[in-house]
Amino acid sequence: MDYIRVTAENLESEHICCAISNNKDVQVASKKDWLKERFEEGLVFLKSAERGKCFIEYIPAENAWVPVEAEGYMYIDCLWVSGSFKGHGYSNDLLAQCIEDSKAKGRKGLCILSSAKKKPFLADPKYLAYKGFSAADESDCGIQLWYLPFSEDAPKPRFKDCAKHPRAEEEGFVLYYTSQCPFNAKYVPIVEATAAEQGVKFKAVHLTSKEDAQNAPTPVTTYALFRDGEYLTNEQMNDKKFLKLLGE
């Protein structure tokens, strides 16, 4: 397998959103706009040369859009290999390149979000454990911060208090999200419209800066849905999923 590193120079010509065939889609444009600002902060986006769900995205933890204390670590935004690419060792390839690159840059280790049991859109804890990662910290909602230190004396990363004890202040549904995930550009407005049609109180909080994301009241900032203050899920909603949630 050959891999391509997406940079500011080739961003416009490369296909980055494997689940979206149209490279001009609003979701792709949203993601590319977000990436443009991150490359100077050390973000690396490495993907398969073939179009498909096979890529890794990582950034120095100091610049990650999550409320963690992980100075000197590299934070993995996403490691995604699925579809026809699964079962060929590509996850191992991508992670190995991330480790090699992070060590060369003097990082203390890697960290990534997961959970005790597999949750949608989070790294598989079984795979992480197999690769030598372990849980460093856990939020009240069950989201865990896993890490792979490069030395025995590397300090454990941890959640900030706002992420350790997630809670939204407003009543009704509150959604915190960023443009890191391209699907939000399409589906957040759909859920907002669905909530309005159903007469349901719904507030979407678009985190548009690193500082806001690093101080958000949730361990997951790409998508975190609350109801009456309580954390519900990081699983993205479309209109059907949201209506089902209302029915429950």
Protein backbone atom coordinates (compact mmCIF):
# COMPACT_ATOMS: atom_id res chain seq x y z
CA MET A 1 0.00 0.00 0.00
CA ASP A 2 1.24 3.46 -0.90
CA TYR A 3 0.34 6.42 1.30
CA ILE A 4 -0.02 10.12 0.59
CA ARG A 5 0.56 12.90 3.10
CA VAL A 6 -1.99 15.65 2.60
CA THR A 7 -0.47 19.12 2.96
CA ALA A 8 -1.46 22.72 2.34
CA GLU A 9 0.09 22.36 -1.12
CA ASN A 10 -1.95 19.36 -2.30
CA LEU A 11 -5.06 19.74 -0.13
CA GLU A 12 -7.31 21.07 -2.88
CA SER A 13 -6.47 18.29 -5.30
CA GLU A 14 -6.58 15.35 -2.89
CA HIS A 15 -9.72 13.42 -2.00
CA ILE A 16 -9.88 13.40 1.82
CA CYS A 17 -13.41 12.32 2.74
CA CYS A 18 -13.68 8.71 1.73
CA ALA A 19 -17.38 8.37 2.52
CA ILE A 20 -18.27 11.35 0.29
CA SER A 21 -17.76 10.82 -3.41
CA ASN A 22 -18.18 14.46 -4.47
CA ASN A 23 -15.00 16.39 -3.71
CA LYS A 24 -16.99 19.67 -4.01
CA ASP A 25 -19.52 18.67 -1.34
CA VAL A 26 -20.11 21.23 1.45
CA GLN A 27 -18.92 18.63 3.95
CA VAL A 28 -15.60 18.25 2.17
CA ALA A 29 -15.19 22.02 1.88
CA SER A 30 -15.84 22.38 5.62
CA LYS A 31 -13.23 19.78 6.49
CA LYS A 32 -10.64 21.24 4.13
CA ASP A 33 -11.16 24.73 5.54
CA TRP A 34 -10.54 23.30 9.02
CA LEU A 35 -7.43 21.44 7.89
CA LYS A 36 -5.91 24.51 6.23
CA GLU A 37 -5.54 26.18 9.61
CA ARG A 38 -4.15 23.08 11.33
CA PHE A 39 -1.16 22.22 9.14
CA GLU A 40 0.90 25.08 10.58
CA GLU A 41 0.11 23.71 14.05
CA GLY A 42 1.72 20.38 13.20
CA LEU A 43 -1.26 18.36 11.99
CA VAL A 44 -0.45 15.32 9.85
CA PHE A 45 -3.04 13.72 7.57
CA LEU A 46 -1.79 10.48 6.03
CA LYS A 47 -4.08 8.47 3.75
CA SER A 48 -4.00 5.58 1.34
CA ALA A 49 -3.15 6.42 -2.25
CA GLU A 50 -6.28 4.52 -3.23
CA ARG A 51 -9.60 6.20 -2.50
CA GLY A 52 -11.19 4.58 0.52
CA LYS A 53 -11.57 4.59 4.28
CA CYS A 54 -7.92 4.34 5.22
CA PHE A 55 -6.19 7.25 6.95
CA ILE A 56 -4.70 8.62 10.16
CA GLU A 57 -4.86 12.20 11.41
CA TYR A 58 -2.74 13.40 14.32
CA ILE A 59 -1.44 16.63 15.89
CA PRO A 60 0.73 17.74 18.83
CA ALA A 61 -1.52 17.44 21.88
CA GLU A 62 -0.95 21.09 22.80
CA ASN A 63 -2.80 21.98 19.59
CA ALA A 64 -5.45 19.26 19.72
CA TRP A 65 -9.09 20.33 19.84
CA VAL A 66 -9.86 18.34 23.00
CA PRO A 67 -9.74 19.20 26.74
CA VAL A 68 -6.69 17.17 27.72
CA GLU A 69 -3.47 17.79 29.61
CA ALA A 70 -0.93 15.93 27.50
CA GLU A 71 2.07 18.19 27.02
CA GLY A 72 4.70 16.61 24.81
CA TYR A 73 2.37 13.92 23.46
CA MET A 74 1.01 13.47 19.96
CA TYR A 75 -2.78 13.26 19.86
CA ILE A 76 -4.47 11.04 17.27
CA ASP A 77 -7.64 12.70 16.01
CA CYS A 78 -8.69 9.70 13.98
CA LEU A 79 -7.38 6.33 12.79
CA TRP A 80 -9.94 4.99 10.36
CA VAL A 81 -9.60 1.83 8.29
CA SER A 82 -12.76 0.11 7.14
CA GLY A 83 -14.56 -1.39 4.19
CA SER A 84 -12.37 -3.34 1.79
CA PHE A 85 -9.24 -2.04 3.53
CA LYS A 86 -9.87 -3.93 6.75
CA GLY A 87 -7.86 -7.03 7.54
CA HIS A 88 -4.75 -6.13 5.53
CA GLY A 89 -2.60 -4.58 8.25
CA TYR A 90 -3.10 -1.00 7.08
CA SER A 91 -3.99 0.20 10.59
CA ASN A 92 -0.62 -1.15 11.71
CA ASP A 93 1.11 0.65 8.83
CA LEU A 94 -0.49 3.99 9.62
CA LEU A 95 0.09 3.71 13.36
CA ALA A 96 3.71 2.67 12.81
CA GLN A 97 4.32 5.73 10.64
CA CYS A 98 2.69 7.93 13.28
CA ILE A 99 4.94 6.43 15.98
CA GLU A 100 8.07 6.86 13.87
CA ASP A 101 7.19 10.46 13.01
CA SER A 102 6.27 11.31 16.62
CA LYS A 103 9.51 9.90 17.99
CA ALA A 104 11.49 11.82 15.37
CA LYS A 105 9.75 14.99 16.54
CA GLY A 106 10.69 14.32 20.17
CA ARG A 107 7.19 13.52 21.38
CA LYS A 108 6.73 11.65 24.69
CA GLY A 109 4.11 9.26 23.31
CA LEU A 110 0.69 9.03 21.70
CA CYS A 111 -2.79 9.53 23.11
CA ILE A 112 -6.26 8.94 21.68
CA LEU A 113 -9.88 8.75 22.82
CA SER A 114 -11.50 5.37 23.38
CA SER A 115 -13.66 3.59 25.96
CA ALA A 116 -13.81 0.36 27.97
CA LYS A 117 -16.17 -1.09 25.35
CA LYS A 118 -16.19 -0.05 21.70
CA LYS A 119 -18.23 3.07 21.00
CA PRO A 120 -19.13 4.53 17.58
CA PHE A 121 -16.51 6.85 16.09
CA LEU A 122 -13.96 6.09 18.82
CA ALA A 123 -10.85 3.92 18.58
CA ASP A 124 -11.33 0.22 19.29
CA PRO A 125 -9.96 -0.47 22.81
CA LYS A 126 -9.10 -4.07 21.89
CA TYR A 127 -6.90 -2.88 19.05
CA LEU A 128 -5.29 -0.20 21.20
CA ALA A 129 -4.50 -2.73 23.95
CA TYR A 130 -3.03 -5.08 21.33
CA LYS A 131 -0.72 -2.25 20.19
CA GLY A 132 0.45 -1.49 23.73
CA PHE A 133 -1.84 1.38 24.67
CA SER A 134 -3.56 1.57 28.07
CA ALA A 135 -6.19 3.79 29.67
CA ALA A 136 -4.69 6.85 31.36
CA ASP A 137 -7.89 8.60 32.46
CA GLU A 138 -11.67 8.24 32.28
CA SER A 139 -14.50 10.73 32.11
CA ASP A 140 -17.71 10.33 34.10
CA CYS A 141 -19.50 9.47 30.84
CA GLY A 142 -17.23 6.50 30.13
CA ILE A 143 -15.01 8.10 27.50
CA GLN A 144 -11.40 7.17 28.18
CA LEU A 145 -8.06 8.74 27.28
CA TRP A 146 -5.65 6.01 26.17
CA TYR A 147 -1.92 6.48 25.77
CA LEU A 148 1.24 4.84 24.48
CA PRO A 149 4.30 6.30 26.24
CA PHE A 150 7.68 6.13 24.52
CA SER A 151 9.56 5.88 27.83
CA GLU A 152 8.80 4.52 31.29
CA ASP A 153 9.09 7.93 32.92
CA ALA A 154 6.66 9.68 30.56
CA PRO A 155 3.86 11.29 32.62
CA LYS A 156 0.30 10.10 32.09
CA PRO A 157 -1.90 12.43 30.07
CA ARG A 158 -5.25 13.30 31.64
CA PHE A 159 -8.55 15.00 30.98
CA LYS A 160 -9.15 18.56 32.10
CA ASP A 161 -11.84 18.84 34.78
CA CYS A 162 -14.37 20.14 32.25
CA ALA A 163 -13.97 16.91 30.27
CA LYS A 164 -13.65 14.65 33.30
CA HIS A 165 -17.05 15.79 34.56
CA PRO A 166 -19.03 16.66 31.41
CA ARG A 167 -22.22 18.65 31.80
CA ALA A 168 -24.20 21.18 29.77
CA GLU A 169 -25.77 24.07 31.65
CA GLU A 170 -28.87 24.51 29.49
CA GLU A 171 -32.04 22.41 29.55
CA GLY A 172 -33.16 20.50 26.49
CA PHE A 173 -30.72 19.18 23.90
CA VAL A 174 -27.32 20.81 23.59
CA LEU A 175 -24.83 19.75 20.93
CA TYR A 176 -21.15 20.64 20.96
CA TYR A 177 -19.34 20.03 17.68
CA THR A 178 -16.40 21.09 15.52
CA SER A 179 -15.64 21.10 11.81
CA GLN A 180 -13.02 18.41 12.28
CA CYS A 181 -15.62 15.88 11.16
CA PRO A 182 -16.94 16.73 7.68
CA PHE A 183 -20.36 15.15 8.25
CA ASN A 184 -21.32 17.86 10.74
CA ALA A 185 -21.65 20.43 7.96
CA LYS A 186 -24.59 18.47 6.56
CA TYR A 187 -26.20 16.72 9.49
CA VAL A 188 -26.11 19.33 12.26
CA PRO A 189 -28.48 21.64 10.32
CA ILE A 190 -30.73 18.64 9.57
CA VAL A 191 -31.03 17.77 13.26
CA GLU A 192 -31.59 21.44 14.14
CA ALA A 193 -34.45 21.58 11.64
CA THR A 194 -35.91 18.29 12.91
CA ALA A 195 -35.85 19.53 16.50
CA ALA A 196 -37.61 22.75 15.45
CA GLU A 197 -40.30 20.77 13.59
CA GLN A 198 -40.89 18.65 16.69
CA GLY A 199 -40.98 21.65 19.01
CA VAL A 200 -37.96 20.35 20.92
CA LYS A 201 -35.52 22.69 22.62
CA PHE A 202 -32.20 22.29 20.83
CA LYS A 203 -29.01 24.36 20.87
CA ALA A 204 -25.99 23.68 18.67
CA VAL A 205 -22.66 25.06 19.86
CA HIS A 206 -20.12 25.19 17.05
CA LEU A 207 -16.62 25.18 18.54
CA THR A 208 -14.62 27.31 16.12
CA SER A 209 -11.34 27.80 17.96
CA LYS A 210 -8.76 25.60 19.63
CA GLU A 211 -9.23 27.48 22.88
CA ASP A 212 -12.99 26.88 22.92
CA ALA A 213 -12.53 23.19 22.15
CA GLN A 214 -9.85 22.76 24.79
CA ASN A 215 -12.23 24.14 27.42
CA ALA A 216 -15.46 22.50 26.27
CA PRO A 217 -17.53 20.61 28.87
CA THR A 218 -17.07 17.28 27.12
CA PRO A 219 -14.20 14.84 26.42
CA VAL A 220 -15.36 14.49 22.81
CA THR A 221 -15.56 17.75 20.89
CA THR A 222 -16.17 16.52 17.34
CA TYR A 223 -19.74 15.65 18.37
CA ALA A 224 -21.17 15.56 21.89
CA LEU A 225 -24.92 15.56 22.49
CA PHE A 226 -26.41 16.41 25.90
CA ARG A 227 -29.99 16.28 27.17
CA ASP A 228 -31.05 18.31 30.21
CA GLY A 229 -27.40 18.69 31.17
CA GLU A 230 -26.50 15.01 30.94
CA TYR A 231 -24.08 13.66 28.35
CA LEU A 232 -25.85 11.33 25.90
CA THR A 233 -23.63 10.28 23.03
CA ASN A 234 -20.87 11.10 20.58
CA GLU A 235 -22.70 9.23 17.80
CA GLN A 236 -23.72 11.59 15.03
CA MET A 237 -27.43 12.01 14.45
CA ASN A 238 -29.41 12.28 11.26
CA ASP A 239 -33.12 13.07 11.30
CA LYS A 240 -34.17 9.41 11.66
CA LYS A 241 -31.77 8.72 14.53
CA PHE A 242 -32.81 11.89 16.32
CA LEU A 243 -36.53 11.07 15.96
CA LYS A 244 -35.83 7.61 17.35
CA LEU A 245 -34.01 9.20 20.27
CA LEU A 246 -37.03 11.41 20.95
CA GLY A 247 -39.26 8.34 20.89
CA GLU A 248 -37.13 6.67 23.53
